[in-house]
Amino acid sequence: MDKKSITIAIIAVLAVIGATLRLVSFNSEGTSRGNPKPFEFIGASAATAAAKLINGNGSVVVVVETLDGTKNPNNDAQIKGFKAGLAKIKGVTLKEVKELKRDMSGDPRLWPEGQAQQIASLGDGAGALVMFLNFPQSLPPSDLAILKGSKAKILMVGTQSPLVDTLVASGVIQVAIVGRIPPPPAPSGTETPAQWFARVYNVLKAP
């Protein structure tokens, strides 16, 4: 890939990430930023969905992606909400929160070689693998086979895309909690975290 193509690819990925961050920067109290409650609600929703995936019995692993050492600023609130939500569910435990480090030295539209295998292995020994990250634009058949062969059921929280739609429809991902692009307009009044979540996010489930 030439330098111009790489630059265009980086801009495209940053635009997607920026759209995601703008999506989750709405909050429920009528202020512009700084309220963690909606993001905690996302985490709690993911915990409930993960517990259902394993029939309320077993452990889950959470994976948070960092790009060049930078974490989504809303992840802390999401993880807090996830832990709080899971604590209310008897029979399901949080095995570990793991950080998936990724740099942007390669083509940002794609996962680096071996990343699918790394992700699948992070869920070893757990019933569900919950990923707070965005998927690339495409995946080769070998990576799809690796993810489909994951022993842990996969739940992702991130941005909706044609690839994510396909992965859910084919059962590679069992549940995807994805931000709508664009979300419906905000109401004139305030929203509860649950109302905000229903407007801004979509929950996709495998058949």
Foldseek 3Di string as FASTA:
>chain_A
DDPVVLVVLVVVVVVQVVLQLCLPQDDFAPDRHDDLQLLLVQLLVLLVVQCVLLVLAWEEEEEFEAEVNHGNPNVVSSPVSNQVNNVVRPRYYYPYYYYDYDYSPDRPLADPPPVLVVQLVSGPRTQAYEYADDHHQDDDPVSLVSLQPRNHAYEYEEADDPVVVVCQQVRSHAKYKHFDVCFPDDDPDGHDSVRSSVGGIDMGGYD
